[in-house]
Amino acid sequence: INAEYMGSVALNIKERKLMVIGSHYAGEMKKGLFTILNYTCPAEKGMLSMHCSATEGASGDISLFFGLSGTGKTTLSADPKRLMLGDDEHVWSDKGIFNVEGGCYAKVIDLSVETEPDIYNAIKWGCVLENVEYDEDSRIVDYTSTKFTENTRASYPLEHISYAKFPSMGGHPKNVIFLTCDASGVLPPVSKLDTHQAQYHFINGYTSKLAGTEVGITDPQRTFSACFGEAFIVLHPMEYCKLLEQNLKKHGSNVWLINTGWVGGKFGVGARMSLPSTRAIIDAIHDGSLEKANFKKFEVFGVDIPDKVNGVDTKILDPSNGWADKKEYETVLKKLADAF
């Protein structure tokens, strides 16, 4: 119960009942149901429920995108070169991946047809817009407005995405991608993880909270959310981590950590990683070229970073290159590592 906003969310897993009172955020409904699945799937079925999006390539290869709000999970799963199973909630069973939702719940702050055409074009009859400002005469939406909140949303059925897959099921993932938005500017844009590192980053679930992701957030704040979905899990995080480890080892999935946050310095100094560059990294993962790159060990965290990625400025692949003050870089990097 949140006394300040007079809101309450009550969940009874045994009776499968959810009650939401006084919330201006419709996401409470879907997350309440997801919380139930985070109990029933692992505890009753031995399946891994996941806060992730999923896409499928032409050869049937599945990719999972884990990430907290603001990391680009919905945006990066909207890829016309691949079929989309879903953008937020999936389950990994012994038969493969399946989506548990029938639609998408996308952020629309600063949305434009140029930057995110697929999400923009999905907003049509049958879509519900939440907390947006619009002209009552023309009914034209001002996606730049933060009059009500920066967490403006669009809820639309999967049928509004031309490349959605039906039924929303697929095989075992070839690539598992962890998304983080590092506002300290010290994590590389992409790194390859081994199974132990994958468990480490999964159990930590690091990112930076950004304005619009939670009430009261105006500047980025470092945060950790176990399994990239701590708010929705009900068992001990290690229960989900063990299932992930078993699946990764059994099916040989590649695991990548992608930073969609700041490069060239921390927040206020550097710049947010460009969406085209992040998409180029994702493309390199999917076409197999990134796996063939030469890698070197990244200091402190020990992950592997590539020497080049097609379509990406080589200088930014090692974050230390963007810092004029190398000592400050090392200090900020160690401070972030110590927070894990």
Protein backbone atom coordinates (compact mmCIF):
# COMPACT_ATOMS: atom_id res chain seq x y z
CA ILE A 1 0.00 0.00 0.00
CA ASN A 2 1.35 3.43 -1.00
CA ALA A 3 -0.09 6.03 1.37
CA GLU A 4 1.24 9.00 -0.61
CA TYR A 5 -0.66 8.04 -3.76
CA MET A 6 -3.51 6.23 -2.00
CA GLY A 7 -2.97 3.15 -4.12
CA SER A 8 -3.06 -0.52 -3.24
CA VAL A 9 -2.26 -3.77 -5.04
CA ALA A 10 -3.32 -7.04 -3.39
CA LEU A 11 -2.53 -10.48 -4.81
CA ASN A 12 -3.75 -13.90 -3.66
CA ILE A 13 -1.73 -16.53 -5.51
CA LYS A 14 -3.64 -19.48 -4.08
CA GLU A 15 -7.02 -18.17 -5.23
CA ARG A 16 -5.59 -16.49 -8.36
CA LYS A 17 -7.08 -13.12 -7.40
CA LEU A 18 -5.64 -9.66 -8.05
CA MET A 19 -7.02 -6.35 -6.78
CA VAL A 20 -5.68 -2.96 -7.92
CA ILE A 21 -7.01 0.21 -6.28
CA GLY A 22 -6.11 3.83 -6.92
CA SER A 23 -3.33 3.28 -9.45
CA HIS A 24 -2.88 5.45 -12.53
CA TYR A 25 -0.62 2.81 -14.05
CA ALA A 26 -2.44 0.06 -15.94
CA GLY A 27 0.74 -2.03 -15.92
CA GLU A 28 -0.21 -3.19 -12.42
CA MET A 29 -2.68 -5.61 -14.01
CA LYS A 30 -0.22 -7.38 -16.30
CA LYS A 31 2.51 -7.42 -13.67
CA GLY A 32 0.13 -8.91 -11.12
CA LEU A 33 -0.64 -11.80 -13.44
CA PHE A 34 3.06 -12.16 -14.22
CA THR A 35 3.78 -12.43 -10.50
CA ILE A 36 1.43 -15.41 -10.31
CA LEU A 37 3.27 -17.05 -13.22
CA ASN A 38 6.57 -16.46 -11.42
CA TYR A 39 5.30 -18.82 -8.76
CA THR A 40 3.36 -21.42 -10.74
CA CYS A 41 5.87 -21.91 -13.57
CA PRO A 42 9.02 -22.73 -11.54
CA ALA A 43 7.35 -24.12 -8.41
CA GLU A 44 4.66 -26.26 -10.03
CA LYS A 45 5.95 -26.88 -13.57
CA GLY A 46 9.74 -26.62 -13.34
CA MET A 47 9.74 -23.96 -16.08
CA LEU A 48 11.61 -20.65 -16.10
CA SER A 49 9.33 -17.60 -16.22
CA MET A 50 11.21 -14.59 -17.59
CA HIS A 51 10.87 -10.82 -17.80
CA CYS A 52 12.11 -10.65 -21.38
CA SER A 53 11.16 -10.14 -25.01
CA ALA A 54 11.70 -12.78 -27.69
CA THR A 55 12.28 -12.76 -31.45
CA GLU A 56 12.84 -15.41 -34.11
CA GLY A 57 15.09 -15.26 -37.17
CA ALA A 58 14.49 -16.73 -40.62
CA SER A 59 16.32 -19.92 -39.66
CA GLY A 60 14.20 -20.35 -36.53
CA ASP A 61 16.87 -19.01 -34.16
CA ILE A 62 15.40 -17.51 -31.00
CA SER A 63 16.82 -14.52 -29.12
CA LEU A 64 15.76 -13.40 -25.65
CA PHE A 65 16.12 -9.82 -24.43
CA PHE A 66 16.20 -9.34 -20.66
CA GLY A 67 16.05 -5.84 -19.28
CA LEU A 68 14.40 -3.49 -16.84
CA SER A 69 12.29 -0.50 -17.77
CA GLY A 70 14.20 1.99 -19.91
CA THR A 71 16.84 -0.42 -21.23
CA GLY A 72 15.25 -0.86 -24.69
CA LYS A 73 13.71 -4.31 -24.38
CA THR A 74 10.50 -3.44 -26.25
CA THR A 75 12.26 -1.21 -28.78
CA LEU A 76 14.94 -3.76 -29.70
CA SER A 77 12.46 -6.59 -30.06
CA ALA A 78 10.59 -4.50 -32.65
CA ASP A 79 12.76 -5.67 -35.54
CA PRO A 80 11.14 -6.15 -38.98
CA LYS A 81 13.98 -8.51 -39.97
CA ARG A 82 12.73 -10.99 -37.37
CA LEU A 83 9.44 -12.36 -36.13
CA MET A 84 8.40 -11.20 -32.68
CA LEU A 85 6.99 -13.64 -30.15
CA GLY A 86 6.40 -10.92 -27.56
CA ASP A 87 7.98 -7.94 -25.84
CA ASP A 88 7.86 -8.58 -22.10
CA GLU A 89 6.87 -11.93 -20.55
CA HIS A 90 7.90 -15.42 -21.64
CA VAL A 91 8.44 -18.91 -20.29
CA TRP A 92 11.31 -21.30 -21.12
CA SER A 93 10.09 -24.90 -20.96
CA ASP A 94 11.70 -28.18 -22.01
CA LYS A 95 10.08 -27.66 -25.43
CA GLY A 96 11.26 -24.08 -25.99
CA ILE A 97 9.95 -20.54 -25.55
CA PHE A 98 6.38 -19.30 -25.42
CA ASN A 99 4.81 -15.90 -24.86
CA VAL A 100 2.19 -15.44 -22.12
CA GLU A 101 0.73 -12.15 -23.39
CA GLY A 102 -1.38 -11.20 -26.38
CA GLY A 103 0.05 -7.75 -26.89
CA CYS A 104 2.70 -5.12 -26.17
CA TYR A 105 2.91 -2.36 -23.57
CA ALA A 106 5.32 0.16 -25.06
CA LYS A 107 6.64 3.48 -23.77
CA VAL A 108 5.70 6.32 -26.09
CA ILE A 109 7.50 9.31 -24.60
CA ASP A 110 9.12 11.23 -27.50
CA LEU A 111 7.83 8.58 -29.91
CA SER A 112 8.19 9.39 -33.61
CA VAL A 113 7.72 7.52 -36.85
CA GLU A 114 11.38 8.19 -37.71
CA THR A 115 12.90 6.63 -34.59
CA GLU A 116 10.45 3.79 -33.92
CA PRO A 117 8.18 3.28 -36.94
CA ASP A 118 6.89 -0.14 -35.90
CA ILE A 119 5.63 1.01 -32.51
CA TYR A 120 4.33 4.26 -34.01
CA ASN A 121 2.36 2.41 -36.70
CA ALA A 122 0.97 -0.05 -34.13
CA ILE A 123 -0.95 2.84 -32.57
CA LYS A 124 -4.27 2.58 -34.38
CA TRP A 125 -7.83 1.44 -33.69
CA GLY A 126 -7.68 -1.17 -30.93
CA CYS A 127 -4.68 0.44 -29.20
CA VAL A 128 -5.07 2.05 -25.76
CA LEU A 129 -2.94 5.11 -25.00
CA GLU A 130 -2.23 5.78 -21.33
CA ASN A 131 -1.43 9.12 -19.66
CA VAL A 132 -0.77 10.96 -22.93
CA GLU A 133 -1.79 14.52 -23.75
CA TYR A 134 -3.72 15.10 -26.96
CA ASP A 135 -5.67 17.81 -28.75
CA GLU A 136 -9.36 17.18 -28.09
CA ASP A 137 -10.43 18.60 -31.45
CA SER A 138 -7.87 17.01 -33.78
CA ARG A 139 -7.20 14.03 -31.45
CA ILE A 140 -3.51 14.35 -32.36
CA VAL A 141 -1.26 13.08 -29.57
CA ASP A 142 1.67 15.10 -28.29
CA TYR A 143 4.21 12.37 -27.57
CA THR A 144 6.70 14.90 -26.21
CA SER A 145 4.36 15.96 -23.40
CA THR A 146 5.09 14.97 -19.80
CA LYS A 147 2.01 16.74 -18.43
CA PHE A 148 0.82 13.65 -16.56
CA THR A 149 4.00 11.56 -16.39
CA GLU A 150 7.03 10.60 -18.46
CA ASN A 151 5.82 7.00 -18.26
CA THR A 152 3.33 7.35 -21.12
CA ARG A 153 2.29 4.05 -22.68
CA ALA A 154 0.61 2.34 -25.61
CA SER A 155 -1.07 -1.03 -25.19
CA TYR A 156 -1.77 -2.83 -28.48
CA PRO A 157 -2.42 -6.40 -29.63
CA LEU A 158 0.33 -8.42 -31.30
CA GLU A 159 -1.75 -8.34 -34.49
CA HIS A 160 -0.76 -4.66 -34.84
CA ILE A 161 2.82 -5.78 -35.48
CA SER A 162 3.17 -7.02 -39.05
CA TYR A 163 5.99 -9.42 -38.14
CA ALA A 164 4.44 -10.92 -35.01
CA LYS A 165 4.51 -14.71 -34.91
CA PHE A 166 1.41 -16.82 -34.31
CA PRO A 167 1.28 -18.92 -32.30
CA SER A 168 3.86 -17.07 -30.22
CA MET A 169 6.12 -20.05 -29.60
CA GLY A 170 9.63 -21.05 -30.65
CA GLY A 171 12.57 -23.34 -30.00
CA HIS A 172 15.35 -22.98 -27.47
CA PRO A 173 17.27 -19.66 -27.60
CA LYS A 174 20.46 -19.36 -29.58
CA ASN A 175 21.21 -15.98 -28.00
CA VAL A 176 20.32 -14.60 -24.58
CA ILE A 177 20.84 -10.85 -24.30
CA PHE A 178 20.99 -8.93 -21.03
CA LEU A 179 20.27 -5.22 -21.46
CA THR A 180 21.54 -2.64 -19.02
CA CYS A 181 21.44 1.14 -19.09
CA ASP A 182 24.68 2.16 -17.39
CA ALA A 183 24.50 5.88 -16.61
CA SER A 184 28.02 5.82 -15.15
CA GLY A 185 29.42 5.30 -18.66
CA VAL A 186 31.94 2.58 -17.78
CA LEU A 187 30.38 -0.61 -19.13
CA PRO A 188 31.13 -1.60 -22.74
CA PRO A 189 28.36 -1.42 -25.37
CA VAL A 190 28.61 -5.20 -25.81
CA SER A 191 30.39 -8.05 -24.06
CA LYS A 192 30.22 -11.84 -24.17
CA LEU A 193 29.55 -13.78 -20.98
CA ASP A 194 30.33 -17.33 -19.98
CA THR A 195 27.79 -19.35 -17.99
CA HIS A 196 29.10 -18.23 -14.59
CA GLN A 197 29.15 -14.57 -15.63
CA ALA A 198 25.65 -14.97 -17.04
CA GLN A 199 24.42 -16.17 -13.64
CA TYR A 200 26.24 -13.31 -11.91
CA HIS A 201 24.67 -10.61 -14.07
CA PHE A 202 21.27 -12.33 -14.04
CA ILE A 203 21.17 -12.49 -10.25
CA ASN A 204 22.32 -8.84 -9.97
CA GLY A 205 20.11 -7.37 -12.71
CA TYR A 206 21.96 -4.06 -12.83
CA THR A 207 20.74 -0.94 -14.61
CA SER A 208 20.14 2.77 -13.98
CA LYS A 209 16.65 3.99 -13.27
CA LEU A 210 15.79 6.77 -15.70
CA ALA A 211 13.29 9.61 -15.59
CA GLY A 212 9.86 8.27 -16.48
CA THR A 213 10.43 4.72 -15.26
CA GLU A 214 9.31 5.44 -11.70
CA VAL A 215 7.58 8.27 -9.88
CA GLY A 216 10.08 10.79 -8.50
CA ILE A 217 13.05 9.77 -10.68
CA THR A 218 14.52 12.82 -12.42
CA ASP A 219 18.19 11.83 -12.77
CA PRO A 220 19.59 8.32 -13.34
CA GLN A 221 19.95 6.19 -10.22
CA ARG A 222 21.93 2.94 -9.97
CA THR A 223 19.70 0.00 -9.11
CA PHE A 224 19.78 -3.80 -8.97
CA SER A 225 16.81 -6.04 -9.64
CA ALA A 226 17.36 -9.78 -9.30
CA CYS A 227 16.58 -11.74 -12.46
CA PHE A 228 15.82 -8.43 -14.19
CA GLY A 229 12.42 -8.56 -12.52
CA GLU A 230 12.75 -8.56 -8.74
CA ALA A 231 9.42 -6.79 -8.27
CA PHE A 232 7.60 -9.74 -9.83
CA ILE A 233 9.42 -12.80 -8.46
CA VAL A 234 8.12 -14.62 -5.39
CA LEU A 235 10.66 -17.43 -4.92
CA HIS A 236 14.30 -16.96 -3.91
CA PRO A 237 16.21 -15.48 -6.89
CA MET A 238 18.55 -18.49 -6.94
CA GLU A 239 15.63 -20.72 -7.90
CA TYR A 240 15.28 -18.83 -11.19
CA CYS A 241 19.05 -18.60 -11.58
CA LYS A 242 19.43 -22.39 -11.29
CA LEU A 243 16.82 -22.92 -14.00
CA LEU A 244 18.63 -20.43 -16.24
CA GLU A 245 21.96 -22.20 -15.67
CA GLN A 246 20.43 -25.58 -16.51
CA ASN A 247 18.89 -24.27 -19.72
CA LEU A 248 22.04 -22.45 -20.86
CA LYS A 249 24.21 -25.52 -20.35
CA LYS A 250 21.70 -27.90 -21.91
CA HIS A 251 21.04 -25.86 -25.04
CA GLY A 252 24.39 -24.04 -25.48
CA SER A 253 22.92 -20.55 -25.73
CA ASN A 254 25.27 -17.59 -26.21
CA VAL A 255 24.91 -14.87 -23.56
CA TRP A 256 25.62 -11.19 -24.21
CA LEU A 257 25.57 -8.09 -22.01
CA ILE A 258 24.59 -4.96 -23.93
CA ASN A 259 24.83 -1.46 -22.47
CA THR A 260 22.24 0.90 -23.93
CA GLY A 261 23.28 3.64 -21.50
CA TRP A 262 26.05 6.21 -21.68
CA VAL A 263 29.27 6.20 -23.69
CA GLY A 264 32.07 8.76 -23.79
CA GLY A 265 31.62 9.54 -20.12
CA LYS A 266 29.02 9.39 -17.39
CA PHE A 267 25.56 10.98 -17.43
CA GLY A 268 25.93 14.73 -17.91
CA VAL A 269 29.26 14.33 -19.71
CA GLY A 270 28.91 11.57 -22.29
CA ALA A 271 25.98 10.72 -24.53
CA ARG A 272 23.36 7.97 -24.58
CA MET A 273 24.33 5.06 -26.82
CA SER A 274 22.65 5.66 -30.17
CA LEU A 275 19.82 3.33 -31.13
CA PRO A 276 21.30 2.65 -34.63
CA SER A 277 24.59 1.55 -33.01
CA THR A 278 22.80 -0.77 -30.59
CA ARG A 279 20.75 -2.21 -33.44
CA ALA A 280 24.00 -2.80 -35.39
CA ILE A 281 25.32 -4.78 -32.41
CA ILE A 282 22.12 -6.83 -32.28
CA ASP A 283 22.38 -7.47 -36.03
CA ALA A 284 25.97 -8.65 -35.60
CA ILE A 285 24.84 -11.08 -32.91
CA HIS A 286 22.08 -12.44 -35.12
CA ASP A 287 24.13 -12.81 -38.31
CA GLY A 288 26.91 -14.59 -36.39
CA SER A 289 29.65 -12.08 -37.23
CA LEU A 290 30.09 -10.89 -33.65
CA GLU A 291 30.74 -14.40 -32.39
CA LYS A 292 33.64 -14.63 -34.86
CA ALA A 293 35.26 -11.37 -33.72
CA ASN A 294 38.48 -11.17 -31.73
CA PHE A 295 37.84 -10.57 -28.02
CA LYS A 296 39.86 -9.21 -25.13
CA LYS A 297 39.23 -9.27 -21.40
CA PHE A 298 37.51 -6.22 -19.95
CA GLU A 299 39.08 -5.03 -16.72
CA VAL A 300 37.41 -5.58 -13.35
CA PHE A 301 34.35 -7.48 -14.60
CA GLY A 302 36.39 -9.95 -16.66
CA VAL A 303 33.92 -10.20 -19.54
CA ASP A 304 35.02 -10.41 -23.18
CA ILE A 305 34.69 -7.37 -25.46
CA PRO A 306 35.07 -7.50 -29.27
CA ASP A 307 37.63 -5.55 -31.26
CA LYS A 308 35.09 -4.54 -33.90
CA VAL A 309 31.41 -4.64 -34.77
CA ASN A 310 30.12 -3.84 -38.23
CA GLY A 311 28.46 -0.42 -38.28
CA VAL A 312 29.76 0.65 -34.86
CA ASP A 313 32.56 3.11 -34.08
CA THR A 314 35.42 0.92 -32.85
CA LYS A 315 36.49 3.54 -30.29
CA ILE A 316 33.38 3.13 -28.16
CA LEU A 317 33.72 -0.66 -27.80
CA ASP A 318 36.21 -0.07 -24.99
CA PRO A 319 34.55 2.52 -22.72
CA SER A 320 37.88 3.81 -21.38
CA ASN A 321 38.54 5.39 -24.80
CA GLY A 322 35.78 7.93 -24.22
CA TRP A 323 37.13 9.24 -20.91
CA ALA A 324 39.64 12.10 -20.96
CA ASP A 325 40.44 11.50 -17.28
CA LYS A 326 41.52 7.85 -17.09
CA LYS A 327 41.92 7.93 -13.31
CA GLU A 328 38.33 9.10 -12.92
CA TYR A 329 37.24 6.32 -15.27
CA GLU A 330 39.02 3.70 -13.16
CA THR A 331 37.51 5.15 -9.98
CA VAL A 332 33.97 5.13 -11.37
CA LEU A 333 34.41 1.61 -12.77
CA LYS A 334 35.64 0.27 -9.41
CA LYS A 335 32.82 2.07 -7.61
CA LEU A 336 30.27 0.39 -9.88
CA ALA A 337 31.89 -3.03 -9.41
CA ASP A 338 31.88 -2.60 -5.64
CA ALA A 339 28.14 -1.95 -5.76
CA PHE A 340 27.44 -5.42 -7.20
